[in-house]
């Protein structure tokens, strides 16, 4: 029973946190990525940034 409670809490937290992030490729996301240190970008973020923010 406790395991179900923790799983629900984790799912709820994940849904809450993902709702706060701007959509990939949006102007807000591009701005957020420009402010983020380049060393902290993932390979997927760098690819998405190039596709959506540089070569639009």
PDB file of N, CA and C in Angstrom:
ATOM      1  N   UNK A   1       0.821  -1.186   0.000  1.00  0.00           N
ATOM      2  CA  UNK A   1       0.000   0.000   0.000  1.00  0.00           C
ATOM      3  C   UNK A   1       0.870   1.256   0.000  1.00  0.00           C
ATOM      4  N   UNK A   2       1.959   1.262   0.777  1.00  0.00           N
ATOM      5  CA  UNK A   2       2.840   2.420   0.816  1.00  0.00           C
ATOM      6  C   UNK A   2       3.492   2.659  -0.545  1.00  0.00           C
ATOM      7  N   UNK A   3       3.802   1.580  -1.243  1.00  0.00           N
ATOM      8  CA  UNK A   3       4.451   1.699  -2.546  1.00  0.00           C
ATOM      9  C   UNK A   3       3.546   2.450  -3.525  1.00  0.00           C
ATOM     10  N   UNK A   4       2.271   2.180  -3.495  1.00  0.00           N
ATOM     11  CA  UNK A   4       1.324   2.861  -4.371  1.00  0.00           C
ATOM     12  C   UNK A   4       1.278   4.351  -4.061  1.00  0.00           C
ATOM     13  N   UNK A   5       1.359   4.711  -2.809  1.00  0.00           N
ATOM     14  CA  UNK A   5       1.362   6.112  -2.404  1.00  0.00           C
ATOM     15  C   UNK A   5       2.576   6.856  -2.942  1.00  0.00           C
ATOM     16  N   UNK A   6       3.745   6.231  -2.846  1.00  0.00           N
ATOM     17  CA  UNK A   6       4.967   6.854  -3.356  1.00  0.00           C
ATOM     18  C   UNK A   6       4.930   6.985  -4.873  1.00  0.00           C
ATOM     19  N   UNK A   7       4.417   5.972  -5.542  1.00  0.00           N
ATOM     20  CA  UNK A   7       4.333   6.019  -7.007  1.00  0.00           C
ATOM     21  C   UNK A   7       3.391   7.136  -7.443  1.00  0.00           C
ATOM     22  N   UNK A   8       2.293   7.290  -6.770  1.00  0.00           N
ATOM     23  CA  UNK A   8       1.345   8.365  -7.085  1.00  0.00           C
ATOM     24  C   UNK A   8       1.986   9.725  -6.865  1.00  0.00           C
ATOM     25  N   UNK A   9       2.716   9.856  -5.783  1.00  0.00           N
ATOM     26  CA  UNK A   9       3.394  11.114  -5.483  1.00  0.00           C
ATOM     27  C   UNK A   9       4.433  11.439  -6.559  1.00  0.00           C
ATOM     28  N   UNK A  10       5.196  10.466  -6.994  1.00  0.00           N
ATOM     29  CA  UNK A  10       6.197  10.684  -8.034  1.00  0.00           C
ATOM     30  C   UNK A  10       5.549  11.064  -9.366  1.00  0.00           C
ATOM     31  N   UNK A  11       4.472  10.401  -9.715  1.00  0.00           N
ATOM     32  CA  UNK A  11       3.772  10.729 -10.956  1.00  0.00           C
ATOM     33  C   UNK A  11       3.198  12.141 -10.908  1.00  0.00           C
ATOM     34  N   UNK A  12       2.641  12.503  -9.790  1.00  0.00           N
ATOM     35  CA  UNK A  12       2.088  13.843  -9.619  1.00  0.00           C
ATOM     36  C   UNK A  12       3.185  14.900  -9.709  1.00  0.00           C
ATOM     37  N   UNK A  13       4.310  14.650  -9.064  1.00  0.00           N
ATOM     38  CA  UNK A  13       5.437  15.592  -9.105  1.00  0.00           C
ATOM     39  C   UNK A  13       5.964  15.730 -10.530  1.00  0.00           C
ATOM     40  N   UNK A  14       6.065  14.630 -11.249  1.00  0.00           N
ATOM     41  CA  UNK A  14       6.523  14.676 -12.634  1.00  0.00           C
ATOM     42  C   UNK A  14       5.576  15.462 -13.514  1.00  0.00           C
ATOM     43  N   UNK A  15       4.305  15.273 -13.338  1.00  0.00           N
ATOM     44  CA  UNK A  15       3.316  16.018 -14.127  1.00  0.00           C
ATOM     45  C   UNK A  15       3.369  17.501 -13.798  1.00  0.00           C
ATOM     46  N   UNK A  16       3.557  17.823 -12.548  1.00  0.00           N
ATOM     47  CA  UNK A  16       3.632  19.226 -12.131  1.00  0.00           C
ATOM     48  C   UNK A  16       4.869  19.899 -12.717  1.00  0.00           C
ATOM     49  N   UNK A  17       5.998  19.232 -12.654  1.00  0.00           N
ATOM     50  CA  UNK A  17       7.238  19.818 -13.157  1.00  0.00           C
ATOM     51  C   UNK A  17       7.244  19.943 -14.674  1.00  0.00           C
ATOM     52  N   UNK A  18       6.683  18.993 -15.366  1.00  0.00           N
ATOM     53  CA  UNK A  18       6.675  19.066 -16.823  1.00  0.00           C
ATOM     54  C   UNK A  18       5.720  20.156 -17.314  1.00  0.00           C
ATOM     55  N   UNK A  19       4.723  20.482 -16.538  1.00  0.00           N
ATOM     56  CA  UNK A  19       3.783  21.534 -16.922  1.00  0.00           C
ATOM     57  C   UNK A  19       4.429  22.912 -16.848  1.00  0.00           C
ATOM     58  N   UNK A  20       5.516  23.038 -16.113  1.00  0.00           N
ATOM     59  CA  UNK A  20       6.186  24.326 -15.943  1.00  0.00           C
ATOM     60  C   UNK A  20       7.165  24.627 -17.073  1.00  0.00           C
ATOM     61  N   UNK A  21       7.549  23.639 -17.825  1.00  0.00           N
ATOM     62  CA  UNK A  21       8.536  23.816 -18.883  1.00  0.00           C
ATOM     63  C   UNK A  21       7.870  24.275 -20.169  1.00  0.00           C
ATOM     64  N   UNK A  22       8.484  25.243 -20.853  1.00  0.00           N
ATOM     65  CA  UNK A  22       7.911  25.652 -22.135  1.00  0.00           C
ATOM     66  C   UNK A  22       8.082  24.556 -23.183  1.00  0.00           C
ATOM     67  N   UNK A  23       7.240  24.591 -24.183  1.00  0.00           N
ATOM     68  CA  UNK A  23       7.276  23.589 -25.241  1.00  0.00           C
ATOM     69  C   UNK A  23       8.565  23.728 -26.047  1.00  0.00           C
ATOM     70  N   UNK A  24       9.194  22.590 -26.336  1.00  0.00           N
ATOM     71  CA  UNK A  24      10.435  22.588 -27.118  1.00  0.00           C
ATOM     72  C   UNK A  24      10.186  23.246 -28.463  1.00  0.00           C
ATOM     73  N   UNK A  25      11.051  24.194 -28.814  1.00  0.00           N
ATOM     74  CA  UNK A  25      10.935  24.902 -30.074  1.00  0.00           C
ATOM     75  C   UNK A  25      10.194  26.220 -29.987  1.00  0.00           C
ATOM     76  N   UNK A  26       9.529  26.464 -28.860  1.00  0.00           N
ATOM     77  CA  UNK A  26       8.802  27.728 -28.704  1.00  0.00           C
ATOM     78  C   UNK A  26       9.800  28.854 -28.442  1.00  0.00           C
ATOM     79  N   UNK A  27       9.338  30.081 -28.622  1.00  0.00           N
ATOM     80  CA  UNK A  27      10.202  31.236 -28.375  1.00  0.00           C
ATOM     81  C   UNK A  27      10.686  31.240 -26.927  1.00  0.00           C
ATOM     82  N   UNK A  28       9.808  30.910 -25.992  1.00  0.00           N
ATOM     83  CA  UNK A  28      10.179  30.865 -24.574  1.00  0.00           C
ATOM     84  C   UNK A  28      11.250  29.803 -24.328  1.00  0.00           C
ATOM     85  N   UNK A  29      11.129  28.674 -24.991  1.00  0.00           N
ATOM     86  CA  UNK A  29      12.114  27.600 -24.827  1.00  0.00           C
ATOM     87  C   UNK A  29      13.464  28.032 -25.386  1.00  0.00           C
ATOM     88  N   UNK A  30      13.463  28.674 -26.551  1.00  0.00           N
ATOM     89  CA  UNK A  30      14.715  29.157 -27.154  1.00  0.00           C
ATOM     90  C   UNK A  30      15.400  30.156 -26.228  1.00  0.00           C
ATOM     91  N   UNK A  31      14.624  31.061 -25.645  1.00  0.00           N
ATOM     92  CA  UNK A  31      15.175  32.045 -24.714  1.00  0.00           C
ATOM     93  C   UNK A  31      15.748  31.355 -23.484  1.00  0.00           C
ATOM     94  N   UNK A  32      15.017  30.376 -22.970  1.00  0.00           N
ATOM     95  CA  UNK A  32      15.471  29.635 -21.791  1.00  0.00           C
ATOM     96  C   UNK A  32      16.785  28.910 -22.099  1.00  0.00           C
ATOM     97  N   UNK A  33      16.892  28.332 -23.283  1.00  0.00           N
ATOM     98  CA  UNK A  33      18.104  27.613 -23.657  1.00  0.00           C
ATOM     99  C   UNK A  33      19.280  28.570 -23.842  1.00  0.00           C
ATOM    100  N   UNK A  34      19.035  29.766 -24.350  1.00  0.00           N
ATOM    101  CA  UNK A  34      20.108  30.747 -24.524  1.00  0.00           C
ATOM    102  C   UNK A  34      20.682  31.173 -23.178  1.00  0.00           C
ATOM    103  N   UNK A  35      19.851  31.172 -22.151  1.00  0.00           N
ATOM    104  CA  UNK A  35      20.288  31.567 -20.810  1.00  0.00           C
ATOM    105  C   UNK A  35      20.966  30.418 -20.065  1.00  0.00           C
ATOM    106  N   UNK A  36      20.706  29.186 -20.488  1.00  0.00           N
ATOM    107  CA  UNK A  36      21.284  28.016 -19.840  1.00  0.00           C
ATOM    108  C   UNK A  36      22.736  27.849 -20.304  1.00  0.00           C
ATOM    109  N   UNK A  37      23.677  27.562 -19.397  1.00  0.00           N
ATOM    110  CA  UNK A  37      25.071  27.355 -19.806  1.00  0.00           C
ATOM    111  C   UNK A  37      25.180  26.224 -20.838  1.00  0.00           C
ATOM    112  N   UNK A  38      25.944  26.460 -21.892  1.00  0.00           N
ATOM    113  CA  UNK A  38      26.061  25.478 -22.988  1.00  0.00           C
ATOM    114  C   UNK A  38      26.599  24.132 -22.499  1.00  0.00           C
ATOM    115  N   UNK A  39      27.412  24.155 -21.467  1.00  0.00           N
ATOM    116  CA  UNK A  39      27.951  22.915 -20.921  1.00  0.00           C
ATOM    117  C   UNK A  39      26.899  22.045 -20.247  1.00  0.00           C
ATOM    118  N   UNK A  40      25.752  22.627 -19.929  1.00  0.00           N
ATOM    119  CA  UNK A  40      24.670  21.882 -19.273  1.00  0.00           C
ATOM    120  C   UNK A  40      23.652  21.334 -20.261  1.00  0.00           C
ATOM    121  N   UNK A  41      23.807  21.640 -21.538  1.00  0.00           N
ATOM    122  CA  UNK A  41      22.868  21.155 -22.559  1.00  0.00           C
ATOM    123  C   UNK A  41      23.100  19.675 -22.817  1.00  0.00           C
ATOM    124  N   UNK A  42      22.009  18.963 -23.073  1.00  0.00           N
ATOM    125  CA  UNK A  42      22.132  17.580 -23.523  1.00  0.00           C
ATOM    126  C   UNK A  42      22.289  17.589 -25.043  1.00  0.00           C
ATOM    127  N   UNK A  43      22.660  16.462 -25.603  1.00  0.00           N
ATOM    128  CA  UNK A  43      22.795  16.364 -27.062  1.00  0.00           C
ATOM    129  C   UNK A  43      21.445  16.624 -27.737  1.00  0.00           C
ATOM    130  N   UNK A  44      20.371  16.120 -27.148  1.00  0.00           N
ATOM    131  CA  UNK A  44      19.034  16.333 -27.720  1.00  0.00           C
ATOM    132  C   UNK A  44      18.646  17.808 -27.668  1.00  0.00           C
ATOM    133  N   UNK A  45      18.970  18.479 -26.572  1.00  0.00           N
ATOM    134  CA  UNK A  45      18.657  19.902 -26.462  1.00  0.00           C
ATOM    135  C   UNK A  45      19.423  20.711 -27.507  1.00  0.00           C
ATOM    136  N   UNK A  46      20.695  20.377 -27.711  1.00  0.00           N
ATOM    137  CA  UNK A  46      21.499  21.090 -28.705  1.00  0.00           C
ATOM    138  C   UNK A  46      20.932  20.894 -30.107  1.00  0.00           C
ATOM    139  N   UNK A  47      20.526  19.684 -30.428  1.00  0.00           N
ATOM    140  CA  UNK A  47      19.929  19.393 -31.730  1.00  0.00           C
ATOM    141  C   UNK A  47      18.615  20.141 -31.904  1.00  0.00           C
ATOM    142  N   UNK A  48      17.771  20.089 -30.891  1.00  0.00           N
ATOM    143  CA  UNK A  48      16.482  20.792 -30.953  1.00  0.00           C
ATOM    144  C   UNK A  48      16.676  22.299 -31.059  1.00  0.00           C
ATOM    145  N   UNK A  49      17.669  22.831 -30.347  1.00  0.00           N
ATOM    146  CA  UNK A  49      17.944  24.259 -30.415  1.00  0.00           C
ATOM    147  C   UNK A  49      18.361  24.647 -31.833  1.00  0.00           C
ATOM    148  N   UNK A  50      19.248  23.870 -32.414  1.00  0.00           N
ATOM    149  CA  UNK A  50      19.703  24.164 -33.775  1.00  0.00           C
ATOM    150  C   UNK A  50      18.536  24.115 -34.766  1.00  0.00           C
ATOM    151  N   UNK A  51      17.710  23.097 -34.654  1.00  0.00           N
ATOM    152  CA  UNK A  51      16.574  22.945 -35.584  1.00  0.00           C
ATOM    153  C   UNK A  51      15.531  24.039 -35.421  1.00  0.00           C
ATOM    154  N   UNK A  52      15.207  24.365 -34.175  1.00  0.00           N
ATOM    155  CA  UNK A  52      14.072  25.234 -33.894  1.00  0.00           C
ATOM    156  C   UNK A  52      14.418  26.702 -33.679  1.00  0.00           C
ATOM    157  N   UNK A  53      15.637  26.992 -33.286  1.00  0.00           N
ATOM    158  CA  UNK A  53      15.979  28.363 -32.932  1.00  0.00           C
ATOM    159  C   UNK A  53      16.961  29.000 -33.913  1.00  0.00           C
ATOM    160  N   UNK A  54      17.812  28.202 -34.513  1.00  0.00           N
ATOM    161  CA  UNK A  54      18.811  28.756 -35.438  1.00  0.00           C
ATOM    162  C   UNK A  54      18.383  28.656 -36.893  1.00  0.00           C
ATOM    163  N   UNK A  55      17.862  27.514 -37.292  1.00  0.00           N
ATOM    164  CA  UNK A  55      17.538  27.262 -38.689  1.00  0.00           C
ATOM    165  C   UNK A  55      16.053  27.330 -38.976  1.00  0.00           C
ATOM    166  N   UNK A  56      15.353  28.231 -38.344  1.00  0.00           N
ATOM    167  CA  UNK A  56      13.903  28.359 -38.526  1.00  0.00           C
ATOM    168  C   UNK A  56      13.565  29.016 -39.821  1.00  0.00           C
TER     169      UNK A  56
END
